[in-house]
Amino acid sequence: MENYHYLENLESLLPEIPADSIVSRSVLKNEQVDVTLFGFAEGQELTEHTSSRPAILHFVKGRARLTLGGDEKTAEGGSWVYMPPRLPHSVFAEMPVIMLLILLR
């Protein structure tokens, strides 16, 4: 039988998000993926960067301005993005945001 990882409520992994901060919690790390849950206070930003690995962003709640290469998008709860390696991207929280980052191997 395969091992599985079940979480009833992702948000319960994060404490209250203090003003002017970004908090993160590791959800799962194995040979296939690294999964991290992020909580952004309003106005917080991950400035433009790249990843050497393919990545998936799943926005659980809130609203963020997301830059993907030269495109700007509004990401809200339910938004989902696949990013190939080396794609420049950034995230700016227009309101409190909870986002799941999945780095693939």
PDB file of N, CA and C in Angstrom:
ATOM      1  N   MET A   1       0.842  -1.187   0.000  1.00  0.00           N
ATOM      2  CA  MET A   1       0.000   0.000   0.000  1.00  0.00           C
ATOM      3  C   MET A   1       0.884   1.247   0.000  1.00  0.00           C
ATOM      4  N   GLU A   2       0.466   2.240  -0.759  1.00  0.00           N
ATOM      5  CA  GLU A   2       1.215   3.489  -0.860  1.00  0.00           C
ATOM      6  C   GLU A   2       1.005   4.356   0.376  1.00  0.00           C
ATOM      7  N   ASN A   3       2.047   5.096   0.732  1.00  0.00           N
ATOM      8  CA  ASN A   3       1.895   6.085   1.793  1.00  0.00           C
ATOM      9  C   ASN A   3       1.162   7.292   1.234  1.00  0.00           C
ATOM     10  N   TYR A   4       0.408   7.941   2.057  1.00  0.00           N
ATOM     11  CA  TYR A   4      -0.256   9.173   1.632  1.00  0.00           C
ATOM     12  C   TYR A   4      -0.131  10.202   2.734  1.00  0.00           C
ATOM     13  N   HIS A   5      -0.437  11.432   2.354  1.00  0.00           N
ATOM     14  CA  HIS A   5      -0.342  12.553   3.289  1.00  0.00           C
ATOM     15  C   HIS A   5      -1.681  13.283   3.219  1.00  0.00           C
ATOM     16  N   TYR A   6      -2.446  13.267   4.291  1.00  0.00           N
ATOM     17  CA  TYR A   6      -3.773  13.876   4.315  1.00  0.00           C
ATOM     18  C   TYR A   6      -3.787  15.011   5.327  1.00  0.00           C
ATOM     19  N   LEU A   7      -4.258  16.173   4.887  1.00  0.00           N
ATOM     20  CA  LEU A   7      -4.470  17.307   5.781  1.00  0.00           C
ATOM     21  C   LEU A   7      -5.918  17.747   5.633  1.00  0.00           C
ATOM     22  N   GLU A   8      -6.619  17.817   6.743  1.00  0.00           N
ATOM     23  CA  GLU A   8      -8.024  18.217   6.690  1.00  0.00           C
ATOM     24  C   GLU A   8      -8.173  19.705   6.406  1.00  0.00           C
ATOM     25  N   ASN A   9      -7.222  20.506   6.911  1.00  0.00           N
ATOM     26  CA  ASN A   9      -7.339  21.957   6.760  1.00  0.00           C
ATOM     27  C   ASN A   9      -5.948  22.574   6.658  1.00  0.00           C
ATOM     28  N   LEU A  10      -5.543  22.934   5.444  1.00  0.00           N
ATOM     29  CA  LEU A  10      -4.221  23.536   5.225  1.00  0.00           C
ATOM     30  C   LEU A  10      -3.997  24.775   6.077  1.00  0.00           C
ATOM     31  N   GLU A  11      -5.012  25.635   6.146  1.00  0.00           N
ATOM     32  CA  GLU A  11      -4.857  26.902   6.867  1.00  0.00           C
ATOM     33  C   GLU A  11      -4.494  26.707   8.331  1.00  0.00           C
ATOM     34  N   SER A  12      -4.869  25.566   8.904  1.00  0.00           N
ATOM     35  CA  SER A  12      -4.574  25.331  10.315  1.00  0.00           C
ATOM     36  C   SER A  12      -3.073  25.185  10.569  1.00  0.00           C
ATOM     37  N   LEU A  13      -2.282  24.983   9.533  1.00  0.00           N
ATOM     38  CA  LEU A  13      -0.832  24.875   9.678  1.00  0.00           C
ATOM     39  C   LEU A  13      -0.164  26.219   9.939  1.00  0.00           C
ATOM     40  N   LEU A  14      -0.854  27.299   9.575  1.00  0.00           N
ATOM     41  CA  LEU A  14      -0.272  28.630   9.732  1.00  0.00           C
ATOM     42  C   LEU A  14      -0.785  29.304  10.998  1.00  0.00           C
ATOM     43  N   PRO A  15       0.114  29.936  11.729  1.00  0.00           N
ATOM     44  CA  PRO A  15      -0.353  30.761  12.848  1.00  0.00           C
ATOM     45  C   PRO A  15      -0.991  32.020  12.273  1.00  0.00           C
ATOM     46  N   GLU A  16      -1.470  32.873  13.126  1.00  0.00           N
ATOM     47  CA  GLU A  16      -1.946  34.171  12.654  1.00  0.00           C
ATOM     48  C   GLU A  16      -0.777  34.849  11.948  1.00  0.00           C
ATOM     49  N   ILE A  17      -1.049  35.482  10.840  1.00  0.00           N
ATOM     50  CA  ILE A  17       0.017  36.113  10.059  1.00  0.00           C
ATOM     51  C   ILE A  17       0.209  37.538  10.577  1.00  0.00           C
ATOM     52  N   PRO A  18       1.347  37.827  11.205  1.00  0.00           N
ATOM     53  CA  PRO A  18       1.576  39.179  11.724  1.00  0.00           C
ATOM     54  C   PRO A  18       1.648  40.200  10.579  1.00  0.00           C
ATOM     55  N   ALA A  19       1.278  41.442  10.873  1.00  0.00           N
ATOM     56  CA  ALA A  19       1.404  42.517   9.884  1.00  0.00           C
ATOM     57  C   ALA A  19       2.852  42.582   9.428  1.00  0.00           C
ATOM     58  N   ASP A  20       3.049  42.987   8.194  1.00  0.00           N
ATOM     59  CA  ASP A  20       4.395  43.174   7.628  1.00  0.00           C
ATOM     60  C   ASP A  20       5.230  41.906   7.640  1.00  0.00           C
ATOM     61  N   SER A  21       4.589  40.748   7.403  1.00  0.00           N
ATOM     62  CA  SER A  21       5.378  39.513   7.405  1.00  0.00           C
ATOM     63  C   SER A  21       4.842  38.488   6.410  1.00  0.00           C
ATOM     64  N   ILE A  22       5.722  37.534   6.122  1.00  0.00           N
ATOM     65  CA  ILE A  22       5.378  36.353   5.345  1.00  0.00           C
ATOM     66  C   ILE A  22       5.788  35.169   6.205  1.00  0.00           C
ATOM     67  N   VAL A  23       4.869  34.224   6.395  1.00  0.00           N
ATOM     68  CA  VAL A  23       5.197  33.027   7.160  1.00  0.00           C
ATOM     69  C   VAL A  23       5.080  31.816   6.235  1.00  0.00           C
ATOM     70  N   SER A  24       5.839  30.777   6.546  1.00  0.00           N
ATOM     71  CA  SER A  24       5.773  29.569   5.728  1.00  0.00           C
ATOM     72  C   SER A  24       5.904  28.343   6.615  1.00  0.00           C
ATOM     73  N   ARG A  25       5.309  27.257   6.151  1.00  0.00           N
ATOM     74  CA  ARG A  25       5.369  25.977   6.840  1.00  0.00           C
ATOM     75  C   ARG A  25       5.553  24.880   5.800  1.00  0.00           C
ATOM     76  N   SER A  26       6.494  23.989   6.053  1.00  0.00           N
ATOM     77  CA  SER A  26       6.671  22.835   5.185  1.00  0.00           C
ATOM     78  C   SER A  26       5.492  21.892   5.388  1.00  0.00           C
ATOM     79  N   VAL A  27       4.912  21.436   4.286  1.00  0.00           N
ATOM     80  CA  VAL A  27       3.784  20.518   4.334  1.00  0.00           C
ATOM     81  C   VAL A  27       4.252  19.091   4.039  1.00  0.00           C
ATOM     82  N   LEU A  28       5.128  18.957   3.040  1.00  0.00           N
ATOM     83  CA  LEU A  28       5.606  17.645   2.627  1.00  0.00           C
ATOM     84  C   LEU A  28       6.911  17.815   1.868  1.00  0.00           C
ATOM     85  N   LYS A  29       7.852  16.922   2.114  1.00  0.00           N
ATOM     86  CA  LYS A  29       9.106  16.921   1.368  1.00  0.00           C
ATOM     87  C   LYS A  29       9.502  15.465   1.164  1.00  0.00           C
ATOM     88  N   ASN A  30       9.614  15.068  -0.117  1.00  0.00           N
ATOM     89  CA  ASN A  30      10.053  13.718  -0.426  1.00  0.00           C
ATOM     90  C   ASN A  30      10.826  13.719  -1.739  1.00  0.00           C
ATOM     91  N   GLU A  31      11.016  12.551  -2.327  1.00  0.00           N
ATOM     92  CA  GLU A  31      11.819  12.445  -3.548  1.00  0.00           C
ATOM     93  C   GLU A  31      11.153  13.087  -4.765  1.00  0.00           C
ATOM     94  N   GLN A  32       9.841  13.291  -4.733  1.00  0.00           N
ATOM     95  CA  GLN A  32       9.130  13.848  -5.880  1.00  0.00           C
ATOM     96  C   GLN A  32       8.813  15.334  -5.764  1.00  0.00           C
ATOM     97  N   VAL A  33       8.502  15.799  -4.545  1.00  0.00           N
ATOM     98  CA  VAL A  33       8.026  17.170  -4.379  1.00  0.00           C
ATOM     99  C   VAL A  33       8.488  17.786  -3.061  1.00  0.00           C
ATOM    100  N   ASP A  34       8.525  19.119  -3.057  1.00  0.00           N
ATOM    101  CA  ASP A  34       8.616  19.910  -1.830  1.00  0.00           C
ATOM    102  C   ASP A  34       7.366  20.777  -1.819  1.00  0.00           C
ATOM    103  N   VAL A  35       6.560  20.667  -0.766  1.00  0.00           N
ATOM    104  CA  VAL A  35       5.317  21.422  -0.673  1.00  0.00           C
ATOM    105  C   VAL A  35       5.410  22.352   0.533  1.00  0.00           C
ATOM    106  N   THR A  36       5.194  23.652   0.284  1.00  0.00           N
ATOM    107  CA  THR A  36       5.288  24.657   1.339  1.00  0.00           C
ATOM    108  C   THR A  36       4.054  25.541   1.292  1.00  0.00           C
ATOM    109  N   LEU A  37       3.483  25.805   2.467  1.00  0.00           N
ATOM    110  CA  LEU A  37       2.334  26.696   2.593  1.00  0.00           C
ATOM    111  C   LEU A  37       2.832  28.070   3.028  1.00  0.00           C
ATOM    112  N   PHE A  38       2.426  29.109   2.306  1.00  0.00           N
ATOM    113  CA  PHE A  38       2.821  30.487   2.616  1.00  0.00           C
ATOM    114  C   PHE A  38       1.615  31.293   3.057  1.00  0.00           C
ATOM    115  N   GLY A  39       1.826  32.168   4.009  1.00  0.00           N
ATOM    116  CA  GLY A  39       0.842  33.163   4.405  1.00  0.00           C
ATOM    117  C   GLY A  39       1.472  34.537   4.283  1.00  0.00           C
ATOM    118  N   PHE A  40       0.852  35.411   3.508  1.00  0.00           N
ATOM    119  CA  PHE A  40       1.347  36.767   3.280  1.00  0.00           C
ATOM    120  C   PHE A  40       0.424  37.759   3.974  1.00  0.00           C
ATOM    121  N   ALA A  41       0.981  38.673   4.737  1.00  0.00           N
ATOM    122  CA  ALA A  41       0.195  39.803   5.223  1.00  0.00           C
ATOM    123  C   ALA A  41      -0.032  40.748   4.043  1.00  0.00           C
ATOM    124  N   GLU A  42      -1.084  41.537   4.113  1.00  0.00           N
ATOM    125  CA  GLU A  42      -1.364  42.513   3.066  1.00  0.00           C
ATOM    126  C   GLU A  42      -0.147  43.390   2.825  1.00  0.00           C
ATOM    127  N   GLY A  43       0.190  43.597   1.540  1.00  0.00           N
ATOM    128  CA  GLY A  43       1.312  44.459   1.168  1.00  0.00           C
ATOM    129  C   GLY A  43       2.664  43.765   1.121  1.00  0.00           C
ATOM    130  N   GLN A  44       2.726  42.495   1.510  1.00  0.00           N
ATOM    131  CA  GLN A  44       4.001  41.772   1.483  1.00  0.00           C
ATOM    132  C   GLN A  44       4.264  41.207   0.096  1.00  0.00           C
ATOM    133  N   GLU A  45       5.546  41.008  -0.221  1.00  0.00           N
ATOM    134  CA  GLU A  45       5.923  40.633  -1.576  1.00  0.00           C
ATOM    135  C   GLU A  45       7.101  39.671  -1.590  1.00  0.00           C
ATOM    136  N   LEU A  46       7.025  38.699  -2.487  1.00  0.00           N
ATOM    137  CA  LEU A  46       8.198  37.935  -2.883  1.00  0.00           C
ATOM    138  C   LEU A  46       8.644  38.586  -4.187  1.00  0.00           C
ATOM    139  N   THR A  47       9.786  39.264  -4.160  1.00  0.00           N
ATOM    140  CA  THR A  47      10.246  39.978  -5.341  1.00  0.00           C
ATOM    141  C   THR A  47      10.643  38.997  -6.441  1.00  0.00           C
ATOM    142  N   GLU A  48      10.837  39.526  -7.629  1.00  0.00           N
ATOM    143  CA  GLU A  48      11.101  38.677  -8.786  1.00  0.00           C
ATOM    144  C   GLU A  48      12.278  37.737  -8.538  1.00  0.00           C
ATOM    145  N   HIS A  49      12.057  36.479  -8.880  1.00  0.00           N
ATOM    146  CA  HIS A  49      13.079  35.450  -8.738  1.00  0.00           C
ATOM    147  C   HIS A  49      12.746  34.323  -9.711  1.00  0.00           C
ATOM    148  N   THR A  50      13.602  33.317  -9.775  1.00  0.00           N
ATOM    149  CA  THR A  50      13.362  32.145 -10.604  1.00  0.00           C
ATOM    150  C   THR A  50      13.599  30.893  -9.763  1.00  0.00           C
ATOM    151  N   SER A  51      13.214  29.768 -10.304  1.00  0.00           N
ATOM    152  CA  SER A  51      13.459  28.470  -9.669  1.00  0.00           C
ATOM    153  C   SER A  51      14.110  27.559 -10.696  1.00  0.00           C
ATOM    154  N   SER A  52      15.012  26.726 -10.253  1.00  0.00           N
ATOM    155  CA  SER A  52      15.644  25.769 -11.161  1.00  0.00           C
ATOM    156  C   SER A  52      14.736  24.562 -11.412  1.00  0.00           C
ATOM    157  N   ARG A  53      13.618  24.494 -10.681  1.00  0.00           N
ATOM    158  CA  ARG A  53      12.697  23.362 -10.795  1.00  0.00           C
ATOM    159  C   ARG A  53      11.315  23.822 -11.256  1.00  0.00           C
ATOM    160  N   PRO A  54      10.550  22.946 -11.911  1.00  0.00           N
ATOM    161  CA  PRO A  54       9.163  23.286 -12.225  1.00  0.00           C
ATOM    162  C   PRO A  54       8.400  23.507 -10.915  1.00  0.00           C
ATOM    163  N   ALA A  55       7.422  24.402 -10.957  1.00  0.00           N
ATOM    164  CA  ALA A  55       6.683  24.736  -9.742  1.00  0.00           C
ATOM    165  C   ALA A  55       5.204  24.939 -10.055  1.00  0.00           C
ATOM    166  N   ILE A  56       4.387  24.696  -9.033  1.00  0.00           N
ATOM    167  CA  ILE A  56       2.950  24.952  -9.105  1.00  0.00           C
ATOM    168  C   ILE A  56       2.592  25.877  -7.943  1.00  0.00           C
ATOM    169  N   LEU A  57       1.838  26.926  -8.243  1.00  0.00           N
ATOM    170  CA  LEU A  57       1.297  27.816  -7.219  1.00  0.00           C
ATOM    171  C   LEU A  57      -0.209  27.592  -7.168  1.00  0.00           C
ATOM    172  N   HIS A  58      -0.722  27.334  -5.980  1.00  0.00           N
ATOM    173  CA  HIS A  58      -2.168  27.209  -5.791  1.00  0.00           C
ATOM    174  C   HIS A  58      -2.557  28.233  -4.733  1.00  0.00           C
ATOM    175  N   PHE A  59      -3.348  29.216  -5.139  1.00  0.00           N
ATOM    176  CA  PHE A  59      -3.794  30.252  -4.215  1.00  0.00           C
ATOM    177  C   PHE A  59      -5.035  29.750  -3.488  1.00  0.00           C
ATOM    178  N   VAL A  60      -4.935  29.644  -2.170  1.00  0.00           N
ATOM    179  CA  VAL A  60      -6.007  29.088  -1.347  1.00  0.00           C
ATOM    180  C   VAL A  60      -7.024  30.167  -0.986  1.00  0.00           C
ATOM    181  N   LYS A  61      -6.517  31.362  -0.625  1.00  0.00           N
ATOM    182  CA  LYS A  61      -7.437  32.466  -0.331  1.00  0.00           C
ATOM    183  C   LYS A  61      -6.698  33.788  -0.450  1.00  0.00           C
ATOM    184  N   GLY A  62      -7.469  34.848  -0.572  1.00  0.00           N
ATOM    185  CA  GLY A  62      -6.892  36.186  -0.703  1.00  0.00           C
ATOM    186  C   GLY A  62      -6.803  36.628  -2.145  1.00  0.00           C
ATOM    187  N   ARG A  63      -6.026  37.691  -2.366  1.00  0.00           N
ATOM    188  CA  ARG A  63      -5.820  38.227  -3.723  1.00  0.00           C
ATOM    189  C   ARG A  63      -4.398  38.761  -3.825  1.00  0.00           C
ATOM    190  N   ALA A  64      -3.717  38.373  -4.903  1.00  0.00           N
ATOM    191  CA  ALA A  64      -2.334  38.798  -5.109  1.00  0.00           C
ATOM    192  C   ALA A  64      -2.132  39.243  -6.547  1.00  0.00           C
ATOM    193  N   ARG A  65      -1.177  40.129  -6.724  1.00  0.00           N
ATOM    194  CA  ARG A  65      -0.708  40.492  -8.066  1.00  0.00           C
ATOM    195  C   ARG A  65       0.452  39.556  -8.360  1.00  0.00           C
ATOM    196  N   LEU A  66       0.308  38.780  -9.403  1.00  0.00           N
ATOM    197  CA  LEU A  66       1.282  37.760  -9.765  1.00  0.00           C
ATOM    198  C   LEU A  66       1.907  38.141 -11.090  1.00  0.00           C
ATOM    199  N   THR A  67       3.242  38.190 -11.121  1.00  0.00           N
ATOM    200  CA  THR A  67       3.948  38.459 -12.367  1.00  0.00           C
ATOM    201  C   THR A  67       4.599  37.165 -12.822  1.00  0.00           C
ATOM    202  N   LEU A  68       4.320  36.789 -14.061  1.00  0.00           N
ATOM    203  CA  LEU A  68       4.848  35.565 -14.669  1.00  0.00           C
ATOM    204  C   LEU A  68       5.546  35.956 -15.958  1.00  0.00           C
ATOM    205  N   GLY A  69       6.891  35.963 -15.944  1.00  0.00           N
ATOM    206  CA  GLY A  69       7.603  36.486 -17.098  1.00  0.00           C
ATOM    207  C   GLY A  69       7.201  37.938 -17.261  1.00  0.00           C
ATOM    208  N   GLY A  70       6.713  38.326 -18.422  1.00  0.00           N
ATOM    209  CA  GLY A  70       6.272  39.695 -18.658  1.00  0.00           C
ATOM    210  C   GLY A  70       4.792  39.913 -18.434  1.00  0.00           C
ATOM    211  N   ASP A  71       4.055  38.902 -17.979  1.00  0.00           N
ATOM    212  CA  ASP A  71       2.609  39.010 -17.802  1.00  0.00           C
ATOM    213  C   ASP A  71       2.253  39.266 -16.340  1.00  0.00           C
ATOM    214  N   GLU A  72       1.263  40.135 -16.147  1.00  0.00           N
ATOM    215  CA  GLU A  72       0.758  40.383 -14.795  1.00  0.00           C
ATOM    216  C   GLU A  72      -0.654  39.828 -14.700  1.00  0.00           C
ATOM    217  N   LYS A  73      -0.908  39.048 -13.632  1.00  0.00           N
ATOM    218  CA  LYS A  73      -2.199  38.412 -13.411  1.00  0.00           C
ATOM    219  C   LYS A  73      -2.697  38.747 -12.019  1.00  0.00           C
ATOM    220  N   THR A  74      -4.004  38.646 -11.828  1.00  0.00           N
ATOM    221  CA  THR A  74      -4.582  38.713 -10.490  1.00  0.00           C
ATOM    222  C   THR A  74      -4.877  37.280 -10.070  1.00  0.00           C
ATOM    223  N   ALA A  75      -4.276  36.862  -8.959  1.00  0.00           N
ATOM    224  CA  ALA A  75      -4.489  35.509  -8.442  1.00  0.00           C
ATOM    225  C   ALA A  75      -5.361  35.613  -7.193  1.00  0.00           C
ATOM    226  N   GLU A  76      -6.444  34.851  -7.175  1.00  0.00           N
ATOM    227  CA  GLU A  76      -7.361  34.831  -6.038  1.00  0.00           C
ATOM    228  C   GLU A  76      -7.533  33.390  -5.577  1.00  0.00           C
ATOM    229  N   GLY A  77      -8.227  33.205  -4.446  1.00  0.00           N
ATOM    230  CA  GLY A  77      -8.488  31.862  -3.970  1.00  0.00           C
ATOM    231  C   GLY A  77      -9.021  30.993  -5.094  1.00  0.00           C
ATOM    232  N   GLY A  78      -8.371  29.867  -5.347  1.00  0.00           N
ATOM    233  CA  GLY A  78      -8.752  28.983  -6.447  1.00  0.00           C
ATOM    234  C   GLY A  78      -7.854  29.114  -7.657  1.00  0.00           C
ATOM    235  N   SER A  79      -7.068  30.207  -7.777  1.00  0.00           N
ATOM    236  CA  SER A  79      -6.153  30.353  -8.911  1.00  0.00           C
ATOM    237  C   SER A  79      -5.039  29.316  -8.819  1.00  0.00           C
ATOM    238  N   TRP A  80      -4.602  28.842  -9.979  1.00  0.00           N
ATOM    239  CA  TRP A  80      -3.620  27.762 -10.058  1.00  0.00           C
ATOM    240  C   TRP A  80      -2.675  28.062 -11.216  1.00  0.00           C
ATOM    241  N   VAL A  81      -1.372  27.896 -10.989  1.00  0.00           N
ATOM    242  CA  VAL A  81      -0.374  28.220 -12.010  1.00  0.00           C
ATOM    243  C   VAL A  81       0.693  27.136 -12.064  1.00  0.00           C
ATOM    244  N   TYR A  82       1.038  26.692 -13.262  1.00  0.00           N
ATOM    245  CA  TYR A  82       2.224  25.855 -13.470  1.00  0.00           C
ATOM    246  C   TYR A  82       3.312  26.755 -14.047  1.00  0.00           C
ATOM    247  N   MET A  83       4.522  26.669 -13.495  1.00  0.00           N
ATOM    248  CA  MET A  83       5.641  27.472 -13.987  1.00  0.00           C
ATOM    249  C   MET A  83       6.800  26.552 -14.361  1.00  0.00           C
ATOM    250  N   PRO A  84       7.319  26.694 -15.580  1.00  0.00           N
ATOM    251  CA  PRO A  84       8.491  25.906 -15.952  1.00  0.00           C
ATOM    252  C   PRO A  84       9.732  26.448 -15.235  1.00  0.00           C
ATOM    253  N   PRO A  85      10.811  25.681 -15.201  1.00  0.00           N
ATOM    254  CA  PRO A  85      12.042  26.178 -14.579  1.00  0.00           C
ATOM    255  C   PRO A  85      12.487  27.499 -15.211  1.00  0.00           C
ATOM    256  N   ARG A  86      13.094  28.341 -14.401  1.00  0.00           N
ATOM    257  CA  ARG A  86      13.724  29.602 -14.812  1.00  0.00           C
ATOM    258  C   ARG A  86      12.751  30.689 -15.282  1.00  0.00           C
ATOM    259  N   LEU A  87      11.460  30.541 -15.006  1.00  0.00           N
ATOM    260  CA  LEU A  87      10.510  31.604 -15.352  1.00  0.00           C
ATOM    261  C   LEU A  87      10.578  32.682 -14.271  1.00  0.00           C
ATOM    262  N   PRO A  88      10.930  33.927 -14.629  1.00  0.00           N
ATOM    263  CA  PRO A  88      10.918  34.997 -13.623  1.00  0.00           C
ATOM    264  C   PRO A  88       9.480  35.213 -13.130  1.00  0.00           C
ATOM    265  N   HIS A  89       9.326  35.322 -11.815  1.00  0.00           N
ATOM    266  CA  HIS A  89       7.985  35.523 -11.250  1.00  0.00           C
ATOM    267  C   HIS A  89       8.092  36.252  -9.912  1.00  0.00           C
ATOM    268  N   SER A  90       6.980  36.898  -9.536  1.00  0.00           N
ATOM    269  CA  SER A  90       6.893  37.583  -8.245  1.00  0.00           C
ATOM    270  C   SER A  90       5.453  37.519  -7.760  1.00  0.00           C
ATOM    271  N   VAL A  91       5.279  37.726  -6.448  1.00  0.00           N
ATOM    272  CA  VAL A  91       3.949  37.697  -5.825  1.00  0.00           C
ATOM    273  C   VAL A  91       3.837  38.899  -4.900  1.00  0.00           C
ATOM    274  N   PHE A  92       2.784  39.708  -5.067  1.00  0.00           N
ATOM    275  CA  PHE A  92       2.503  40.840  -4.191  1.00  0.00           C
ATOM    276  C   PHE A  92       1.102  40.661  -3.614  1.00  0.00           C
ATOM    277  N   ALA A  93       0.985  40.597  -2.292  1.00  0.00           N
ATOM    278  CA  ALA A  93      -0.300  40.374  -1.633  1.00  0.00           C
ATOM    279  C   ALA A  93      -1.087  41.682  -1.551  1.00  0.00           C
ATOM    280  N   GLU A  94      -2.186  41.764  -2.296  1.00  0.00           N
ATOM    281  CA  GLU A  94      -3.052  42.944  -2.250  1.00  0.00           C
ATOM    282  C   GLU A  94      -3.964  42.914  -1.026  1.00  0.00           C
ATOM    283  N   MET A  95      -4.110  41.739  -0.440  1.00  0.00           N
ATOM    284  CA  MET A  95      -4.831  41.509   0.802  1.00  0.00           C
ATOM    285  C   MET A  95      -4.176  40.273   1.415  1.00  0.00           C
ATOM    286  N   PRO A  96      -4.504  39.872   2.622  1.00  0.00           N
ATOM    287  CA  PRO A  96      -3.881  38.660   3.157  1.00  0.00           C
ATOM    288  C   PRO A  96      -4.072  37.484   2.196  1.00  0.00           C
ATOM    289  N   VAL A  97      -3.011  36.704   2.006  1.00  0.00           N
ATOM    290  CA  VAL A  97      -3.000  35.611   1.027  1.00  0.00           C
ATOM    291  C   VAL A  97      -2.484  34.338   1.681  1.00  0.00           C
ATOM    292  N   ILE A  98      -3.111  33.231   1.317  1.00  0.00           N
ATOM    293  CA  ILE A  98      -2.571  31.909   1.640  1.00  0.00           C
ATOM    294  C   ILE A  98      -2.338  31.202   0.309  1.00  0.00           C
ATOM    295  N   MET A  99      -1.099  30.717   0.132  1.00  0.00           N
ATOM    296  CA  MET A  99      -0.677  30.131  -1.137  1.00  0.00           C
ATOM    297  C   MET A  99       0.127  28.867  -0.884  1.00  0.00           C
ATOM    298  N   LEU A 100      -0.145  27.834  -1.678  1.00  0.00           N
ATOM    299  CA  LEU A 100       0.583  26.586  -1.609  1.00  0.00           C
ATOM    300  C   LEU A 100       1.587  26.555  -2.763  1.00  0.00           C
ATOM    301  N   LEU A 101       2.854  26.311  -2.441  1.00  0.00           N
ATOM    302  CA  LEU A 101       3.908  26.177  -3.438  1.00  0.00           C
ATOM    303  C   LEU A 101       4.308  24.714  -3.516  1.00  0.00           C
ATOM    304  N   ILE A 102       4.283  24.174  -4.726  1.00  0.00           N
ATOM    305  CA  ILE A 102       4.685  22.793  -4.958  1.00  0.00           C
ATOM    306  C   ILE A 102       5.860  22.811  -5.924  1.00  0.00           C
ATOM    307  N   LEU A 103       7.050  22.443  -5.430  1.00  0.00           N
ATOM    308  CA  LEU A 103       8.242  22.340  -6.271  1.00  0.00           C
ATOM    309  C   LEU A 103       8.400  20.883  -6.689  1.00  0.00           C
ATOM    310  N   LEU A 104       8.452  20.659  -7.990  1.00  0.00           N
ATOM    311  CA  LEU A 104       8.560  19.305  -8.532  1.00  0.00           C
ATOM    312  C   LEU A 104      10.020  18.932  -8.749  1.00  0.00           C
ATOM    313  N   ARG A 105      10.304  17.661  -8.709  1.00  0.00           N
ATOM    314  CA  ARG A 105      11.669  17.190  -9.007  1.00  0.00           C
ATOM    315  C   ARG A 105      11.673  16.543 -10.370  1.00  0.00           C
TER     316      ARG A 105
END
